[in-house]
N, C-alpha and C. Protein backbone atom coordinates (compact mmCIF):
# COMPACT_ATOMS: atom_id res chain seq x y z
N MET A 1 -5.88 9.21 -12.82
CA MET A 1 -5.95 8.44 -11.14
C MET A 1 -7.36 8.93 -10.55
N THR A 2 -7.66 7.58 -9.65
CA THR A 2 -8.69 7.86 -8.77
C THR A 2 -8.89 7.94 -7.10
N GLY A 3 -7.33 7.80 -7.20
CA GLY A 3 -6.98 7.91 -5.73
C GLY A 3 -5.83 7.69 -5.08
N TYR A 4 -4.88 7.21 -3.78
CA TYR A 4 -3.92 6.63 -3.46
C TYR A 4 -3.95 5.33 -2.84
N LEU A 5 -3.41 4.46 -3.18
CA LEU A 5 -3.23 3.07 -2.49
C LEU A 5 -1.91 3.12 -1.91
N LEU A 6 -1.85 2.86 -0.53
CA LEU A 6 -1.11 3.40 0.96
C LEU A 6 -0.43 1.76 0.84
N ASP A 7 1.10 1.81 0.55
CA ASP A 7 1.40 -0.03 0.83
C ASP A 7 1.75 0.45 2.28
N THR A 8 2.10 -0.82 2.79
CA THR A 8 2.55 -1.37 4.22
C THR A 8 3.27 -0.11 4.98
N SER A 9 4.18 -0.05 4.31
CA SER A 9 5.21 0.72 5.01
C SER A 9 4.65 2.54 5.45
N ALA A 10 4.29 2.73 4.16
CA ALA A 10 3.33 4.23 4.37
C ALA A 10 2.63 4.48 4.87
N THR A 11 1.70 3.29 5.18
CA THR A 11 0.66 2.95 6.11
C THR A 11 1.22 2.74 7.54
N LEU A 12 2.17 2.03 8.15
CA LEU A 12 2.58 1.70 9.23
C LEU A 12 3.16 3.34 9.58
N ILE A 13 3.63 4.38 8.71
CA ILE A 13 4.70 5.36 9.43
C ILE A 13 3.45 6.38 9.43
N ALA A 14 2.62 6.44 8.28
CA ALA A 14 1.40 8.00 8.42
C ALA A 14 0.78 7.30 9.94
N LEU A 15 0.85 6.17 10.43
CA LEU A 15 0.04 5.56 11.83
C LEU A 15 0.95 6.09 12.82
N THR A 16 2.27 6.11 12.66
CA THR A 16 2.72 6.09 13.72
C THR A 16 3.58 7.11 14.18
N ASP A 17 4.40 7.85 12.73
CA ASP A 17 4.88 8.60 13.23
C ASP A 17 5.16 9.44 11.35
N PRO A 18 3.70 10.37 11.38
CA PRO A 18 3.83 10.75 9.93
C PRO A 18 4.58 12.09 9.84
N SER A 19 5.77 12.59 10.66
CA SER A 19 6.79 13.55 10.67
C SER A 19 8.06 12.48 9.77
N LEU A 20 8.26 11.30 9.61
CA LEU A 20 8.85 10.64 9.08
C LEU A 20 8.52 10.42 7.20
N LEU A 21 7.09 10.67 7.47
CA LEU A 21 7.26 10.36 5.35
C LEU A 21 7.41 11.73 4.63
N THR A 22 8.12 11.24 3.81
CA THR A 22 8.46 12.61 2.73
C THR A 22 7.08 13.27 2.43
N PRO A 23 7.64 14.78 1.86
CA PRO A 23 6.70 15.79 1.49
C PRO A 23 5.44 15.09 0.59
N GLY A 24 5.98 14.48 -0.42
CA GLY A 24 4.99 14.41 -1.18
C GLY A 24 3.99 13.48 -0.76
N VAL A 25 4.41 12.27 -0.37
CA VAL A 25 3.96 10.66 0.47
C VAL A 25 2.80 11.63 1.51
N HIS A 26 3.06 12.83 2.38
CA HIS A 26 2.41 13.07 3.14
C HIS A 26 1.07 13.72 2.66
N ALA A 27 1.44 14.25 1.50
CA ALA A 27 0.98 15.45 0.90
C ALA A 27 -0.43 14.50 0.21
N ALA A 28 0.29 13.27 -0.16
CA ALA A 28 -0.70 12.57 -0.97
C ALA A 28 -2.05 11.86 0.19
N ILE A 29 -1.32 11.31 1.35
CA ILE A 29 -2.47 10.89 1.91
C ILE A 29 -3.24 11.80 2.51
N LEU A 30 -2.78 13.38 2.23
CA LEU A 30 -3.97 14.53 3.31
C LEU A 30 -5.17 14.43 1.86
N ALA A 31 -4.60 14.29 1.31
CA ALA A 31 -5.01 14.82 -0.10
C ALA A 31 -6.36 13.67 -0.45
N GLY A 32 -6.07 12.55 0.04
CA GLY A 32 -7.17 11.54 -0.45
C GLY A 32 -7.32 11.14 -1.84
N PRO A 33 -8.50 11.06 -1.92
CA PRO A 33 -8.94 9.72 -1.61
C PRO A 33 -7.69 8.24 -1.35
N ASN A 34 -7.78 7.76 -0.58
CA ASN A 34 -6.79 6.64 0.39
C ASN A 34 -7.88 5.31 0.09
N VAL A 35 -6.65 4.37 -0.20
CA VAL A 35 -7.31 3.13 -0.23
C VAL A 35 -6.29 2.30 0.23
N LEU A 36 -6.56 1.34 1.10
CA LEU A 36 -6.10 -0.06 1.59
C LEU A 36 -6.26 -0.62 1.33
N SER A 37 -5.23 -1.68 1.05
CA SER A 37 -5.84 -3.15 0.33
C SER A 37 -5.40 -4.11 1.44
N VAL A 38 -6.56 -5.25 1.29
CA VAL A 38 -6.68 -6.37 2.21
C VAL A 38 -4.69 -6.94 2.28
N VAL A 39 -4.28 -6.80 1.16
CA VAL A 39 -2.69 -7.19 0.94
C VAL A 39 -1.90 -6.37 2.33
N VAL A 40 -2.40 -5.57 2.74
CA VAL A 40 -1.50 -4.58 3.71
C VAL A 40 -1.85 -5.55 5.11
N LEU A 41 -3.07 -5.50 5.06
CA LEU A 41 -3.37 -6.24 6.11
C LEU A 41 -3.15 -7.79 6.46
N TRP A 42 -2.94 -8.30 5.26
CA TRP A 42 -2.39 -9.71 5.12
C TRP A 42 -1.01 -9.77 5.61
N GLU A 43 0.06 -8.72 5.11
CA GLU A 43 1.53 -8.65 5.77
C GLU A 43 1.54 -8.54 6.72
N VAL A 44 0.76 -7.35 7.49
CA VAL A 44 0.81 -6.95 8.85
C VAL A 44 0.54 -8.10 9.36
N VAL A 45 -0.11 -9.04 9.47
CA VAL A 45 -1.26 -10.70 10.23
C VAL A 45 0.45 -11.06 10.25
N LEU A 46 0.93 -11.42 8.79
CA LEU A 46 2.06 -12.05 8.94
C LEU A 46 3.57 -11.81 9.72
N LYS A 47 3.57 -10.50 9.28
CA LYS A 47 4.73 -9.87 10.46
C LYS A 47 4.36 -9.89 11.88
N SER A 48 2.77 -9.68 11.98
CA SER A 48 2.71 -9.70 13.89
C SER A 48 2.76 -11.41 13.98
N MET A 49 2.74 -12.43 13.43
CA MET A 49 2.80 -13.99 13.64
C MET A 49 4.06 -14.03 13.88
N LYS A 50 4.93 -13.31 13.19
CA LYS A 50 6.78 -13.68 13.20
C LYS A 50 6.92 -12.98 14.48
N GLY A 51 6.39 -12.19 14.94
CA GLY A 51 6.79 -11.19 16.04
C GLY A 51 7.76 -9.90 15.77
N LYS A 52 7.51 -10.04 14.51
CA LYS A 52 8.23 -8.95 13.89
C LYS A 52 7.80 -7.14 13.66
N LEU A 53 6.51 -7.63 14.06
CA LEU A 53 5.56 -6.01 13.93
C LEU A 53 4.61 -5.87 15.31
N ALA A 54 4.27 -5.08 16.31
CA ALA A 54 3.51 -5.04 17.14
C ALA A 54 2.47 -4.03 16.95
N VAL A 55 1.68 -4.18 16.61
CA VAL A 55 0.32 -3.25 15.94
C VAL A 55 -0.75 -3.76 17.21
N GLY A 56 -0.94 -4.80 17.98
CA GLY A 56 -1.95 -5.19 18.88
C GLY A 56 -3.00 -6.51 17.81
N GLU A 57 -4.13 -6.53 18.20
CA GLU A 57 -5.08 -7.55 17.40
C GLU A 57 -5.00 -6.53 16.14
N PRO A 58 -4.39 -7.55 14.70
CA PRO A 58 -4.09 -7.29 13.81
C PRO A 58 -5.57 -6.91 12.86
N VAL A 59 -7.19 -7.44 13.30
CA VAL A 59 -8.20 -6.99 12.89
C VAL A 59 -8.18 -5.72 13.17
N THR A 60 -8.28 -5.44 14.76
CA THR A 60 -8.46 -4.18 15.26
C THR A 60 -7.67 -3.05 14.49
N TRP A 61 -6.21 -3.42 14.62
CA TRP A 61 -5.22 -2.39 13.84
C TRP A 61 -6.27 -1.64 12.58
N TRP A 62 -6.39 -2.76 11.55
CA TRP A 62 -7.04 -2.88 10.14
C TRP A 62 -8.11 -1.81 10.63
N ARG A 63 -9.09 -2.02 11.05
CA ARG A 63 -10.44 -1.10 11.15
C ARG A 63 -9.80 0.22 11.63
N ASP A 64 -8.88 0.49 12.72
CA ASP A 64 -8.49 1.88 13.49
C ASP A 64 -7.69 2.38 11.63
N ALA A 65 -6.63 1.86 10.83
CA ALA A 65 -6.00 2.04 10.00
C ALA A 65 -7.05 3.02 9.12
N LEU A 66 -7.95 2.46 8.61
CA LEU A 66 -9.11 2.64 7.58
C LEU A 66 -9.76 3.76 8.09
N ASP A 67 -10.17 4.06 9.49
CA ASP A 67 -10.68 5.33 10.15
C ASP A 67 -9.45 6.07 9.79
N GLN A 68 -8.60 6.14 10.66
CA GLN A 68 -7.76 7.40 10.73
C GLN A 68 -6.78 7.65 9.61
N LEU A 69 -6.96 7.12 8.65
CA LEU A 69 -6.88 7.75 6.88
C LEU A 69 -7.51 7.60 6.06
N ALA A 70 -8.65 7.52 6.71
CA ALA A 70 -9.98 7.81 6.04
C ALA A 70 -9.84 7.16 4.97
N ALA A 71 -9.58 6.27 4.62
CA ALA A 71 -9.71 5.17 3.29
C ALA A 71 -10.95 3.98 3.01
N ARG A 72 -10.79 3.48 2.03
CA ARG A 72 -11.82 2.46 1.84
C ARG A 72 -10.79 1.57 1.67
N PRO A 73 -11.41 -0.11 1.86
CA PRO A 73 -10.91 -1.21 1.91
C PRO A 73 -10.88 -1.50 0.87
N LEU A 74 -9.96 -2.23 -0.20
CA LEU A 74 -9.81 -2.79 -1.11
C LEU A 74 -9.74 -4.08 -1.13
N SER A 75 -10.59 -5.11 -1.80
CA SER A 75 -9.95 -6.44 -2.13
C SER A 75 -9.04 -6.87 -2.70
N LEU A 76 -8.75 -8.25 -2.78
CA LEU A 76 -7.87 -8.48 -3.91
C LEU A 76 -8.70 -9.40 -5.05
N ARG A 77 -8.37 -9.25 -5.82
CA ARG A 77 -9.40 -9.92 -7.09
C ARG A 77 -8.47 -10.93 -7.91
N PRO A 78 -9.46 -11.84 -8.57
CA PRO A 78 -8.39 -12.58 -9.46
C PRO A 78 -7.51 -11.61 -10.71
N GLU A 79 -8.21 -10.52 -11.41
CA GLU A 79 -7.17 -9.91 -12.25
C GLU A 79 -6.40 -9.30 -11.63
N HIS A 80 -6.05 -9.20 -10.37
CA HIS A 80 -4.68 -8.42 -9.54
C HIS A 80 -4.07 -9.38 -9.37
N ILE A 81 -4.47 -10.57 -9.03
CA ILE A 81 -3.38 -11.50 -9.18
C ILE A 81 -2.64 -12.10 -10.69
N GLY A 82 -3.50 -11.86 -11.20
CA GLY A 82 -3.51 -12.22 -12.99
C GLY A 82 -2.11 -11.18 -13.35
N ALA A 83 -2.82 -9.68 -12.77
CA ALA A 83 -1.75 -8.80 -13.67
C ALA A 83 -0.44 -8.83 -12.66
N VAL A 84 -0.37 -9.41 -11.84
CA VAL A 84 1.24 -9.35 -10.96
C VAL A 84 2.17 -10.70 -12.14
N CYS A 85 1.60 -11.53 -13.03
CA CYS A 85 2.27 -11.84 -14.22
C CYS A 85 3.30 -10.94 -15.11
N GLN A 86 2.15 -9.98 -15.27
CA GLN A 86 2.48 -9.13 -16.17
C GLN A 86 3.84 -7.92 -16.03
N LEU A 87 4.30 -8.03 -14.48
CA LEU A 87 5.22 -7.18 -14.11
C LEU A 87 6.35 -7.51 -14.65
N PRO A 88 7.83 -6.44 -14.53
CA PRO A 88 9.06 -7.13 -14.86
C PRO A 88 9.37 -7.58 -13.65
N PRO A 89 10.31 -8.22 -13.13
CA PRO A 89 11.19 -8.95 -12.04
C PRO A 89 11.99 -8.19 -11.36
N ILE A 90 11.78 -7.05 -11.36
CA ILE A 90 12.57 -5.78 -10.32
C ILE A 90 12.20 -5.73 -9.24
N HIS A 91 11.57 -6.30 -8.30
CA HIS A 91 10.96 -6.37 -7.23
C HIS A 91 10.59 -7.60 -6.74
N GLN A 92 10.77 -8.51 -5.51
CA GLN A 92 10.64 -9.74 -5.51
C GLN A 92 9.79 -9.85 -4.47
N ASP A 93 9.20 -8.56 -3.82
CA ASP A 93 8.51 -9.10 -2.52
C ASP A 93 6.86 -9.05 -3.38
N PRO A 94 6.45 -10.17 -2.66
CA PRO A 94 4.79 -10.74 -3.16
C PRO A 94 4.33 -9.84 -3.08
N PHE A 95 3.93 -9.11 -2.08
CA PHE A 95 2.99 -8.05 -1.46
C PHE A 95 3.14 -7.00 -2.05
N ASP A 96 4.46 -6.52 -2.12
CA ASP A 96 4.87 -4.59 -3.08
C ASP A 96 3.95 -5.45 -4.51
N ARG A 97 4.67 -6.77 -5.13
CA ARG A 97 4.37 -7.07 -6.74
C ARG A 97 2.28 -6.86 -6.49
N ALA A 98 1.99 -7.06 -5.60
CA ALA A 98 0.24 -7.50 -5.73
C ALA A 98 -0.13 -5.95 -5.22
N LEU A 99 0.42 -4.92 -4.68
CA LEU A 99 0.47 -3.54 -4.40
C LEU A 99 0.36 -2.93 -5.91
N ILE A 100 1.40 -3.24 -6.70
CA ILE A 100 1.67 -2.84 -7.36
C ILE A 100 0.92 -2.84 -8.97
N ALA A 101 0.09 -4.22 -8.81
CA ALA A 101 -0.52 -4.71 -9.79
C ALA A 101 -2.14 -4.21 -9.67
N GLN A 102 -2.65 -3.95 -8.20
CA GLN A 102 -3.66 -3.68 -7.99
C GLN A 102 -3.95 -2.21 -8.17
N ALA A 103 -2.65 -1.39 -7.67
CA ALA A 103 -2.82 0.30 -8.71
C ALA A 103 -3.22 0.26 -9.90
N THR A 104 -2.45 -0.84 -10.24
CA THR A 104 -2.23 0.01 -11.95
C THR A 104 -3.71 -1.00 -12.77
N ILE A 105 -4.27 -1.96 -11.86
CA ILE A 105 -5.51 -2.18 -12.55
C ILE A 105 -6.85 -1.24 -12.49
N GLU A 106 -6.54 -0.77 -10.86
CA GLU A 106 -7.78 0.45 -10.43
C GLU A 106 -7.65 1.53 -10.77
N ASP A 107 -6.52 1.96 -11.38
CA ASP A 107 -6.03 3.16 -11.93
C ASP A 107 -5.61 4.26 -10.53
N LEU A 108 -5.19 3.70 -9.33
CA LEU A 108 -4.78 4.65 -8.20
C LEU A 108 -3.06 4.63 -8.24
N ALA A 109 -2.59 5.57 -8.25
CA ALA A 109 -1.43 6.30 -7.58
C ALA A 109 -0.72 5.07 -6.31
N LEU A 110 0.42 5.07 -6.22
CA LEU A 110 0.75 3.90 -5.22
C LEU A 110 1.68 4.83 -4.57
N VAL A 111 1.13 5.27 -3.50
CA VAL A 111 2.14 5.51 -2.28
C VAL A 111 3.15 4.74 -1.47
N THR A 112 4.49 4.75 -1.67
CA THR A 112 5.20 3.92 -0.82
C THR A 112 6.49 4.96 -0.30
N THR A 113 7.08 4.11 0.88
CA THR A 113 8.31 4.63 1.10
C THR A 113 9.34 3.75 0.19
N ASP A 114 9.04 2.59 -0.28
CA ASP A 114 10.36 2.04 -1.05
C ASP A 114 10.73 2.45 -2.42
N GLY A 115 11.65 2.29 -2.66
CA GLY A 115 12.36 3.15 -3.60
C GLY A 115 12.55 2.26 -4.57
N GLU A 116 12.51 0.81 -4.79
CA GLU A 116 12.81 -0.11 -5.62
C GLU A 116 11.49 0.10 -6.07
N ILE A 117 10.26 0.62 -5.85
CA ILE A 117 9.05 0.35 -6.27
C ILE A 117 8.73 1.47 -7.64
N SER A 118 9.76 2.53 -7.29
CA SER A 118 9.36 3.97 -8.11
C SER A 118 10.04 2.99 -9.68
N LYS A 119 10.58 2.27 -9.35
CA LYS A 119 11.02 1.53 -10.87
C LYS A 119 10.15 0.88 -11.82
N TYR A 120 9.27 0.93 -11.25
CA TYR A 120 7.81 0.19 -11.80
C TYR A 120 6.61 1.69 -12.69
N ALA A 121 7.13 2.75 -12.02
CA ALA A 121 6.46 3.69 -12.50
C ALA A 121 6.59 3.79 -14.43
N SER A 122 5.06 4.63 -14.93
CA SER A 122 4.92 4.16 -16.30
C SER A 122 3.45 5.27 -16.52
N ASN A 123 3.33 5.50 -17.79
CA ASN A 123 1.66 5.68 -18.30
C ASN A 123 0.85 4.97 -17.59
N SER A 124 0.90 3.80 -16.90
CA SER A 124 0.12 3.04 -16.28
C SER A 124 -0.33 2.85 -14.79
N LEU A 125 1.18 3.37 -14.31
CA LEU A 125 1.30 3.59 -13.15
C LEU A 125 2.34 4.64 -12.33
N GLN A 126 1.56 5.50 -11.54
CA GLN A 126 2.13 6.65 -10.88
C GLN A 126 2.03 6.35 -9.54
N VAL A 127 3.60 6.67 -9.39
CA VAL A 127 3.87 6.11 -7.90
C VAL A 127 4.46 7.29 -7.21
N VAL A 128 3.81 7.23 -5.73
CA VAL A 128 4.23 8.53 -4.98
C VAL A 128 5.44 8.49 -4.19
N GLN A 129 6.04 9.33 -3.88
CA GLN A 129 7.67 8.52 -2.70
C GLN A 129 7.77 9.76 -2.23
């Protein structure tokens, strides 16, 4: 494992009220190195556009999130998208599935607050909840 890929919910909670994170998630974020996928930005943009999430201007939020979480950005590449079709149909959220694929390909532990994602844990994917 080369670091921690934070999913959208873990990122949002870490930035707004870290006391709500589990001890394991909190410890992982503090330990780093942290990675934020552009998939998180994409999900935040869409939820903001629908009025389901208030983060201000999403691109500014993204820059602040990278800074506050001492994270490096991760682009979405063709091999990540290709790996999505290899995942079992446990979870239907396309953003989560993309993050699971990215974490697997990049050898990152996936940090999440979503209990369904832990069902993907395997020799090739560590899930921190």
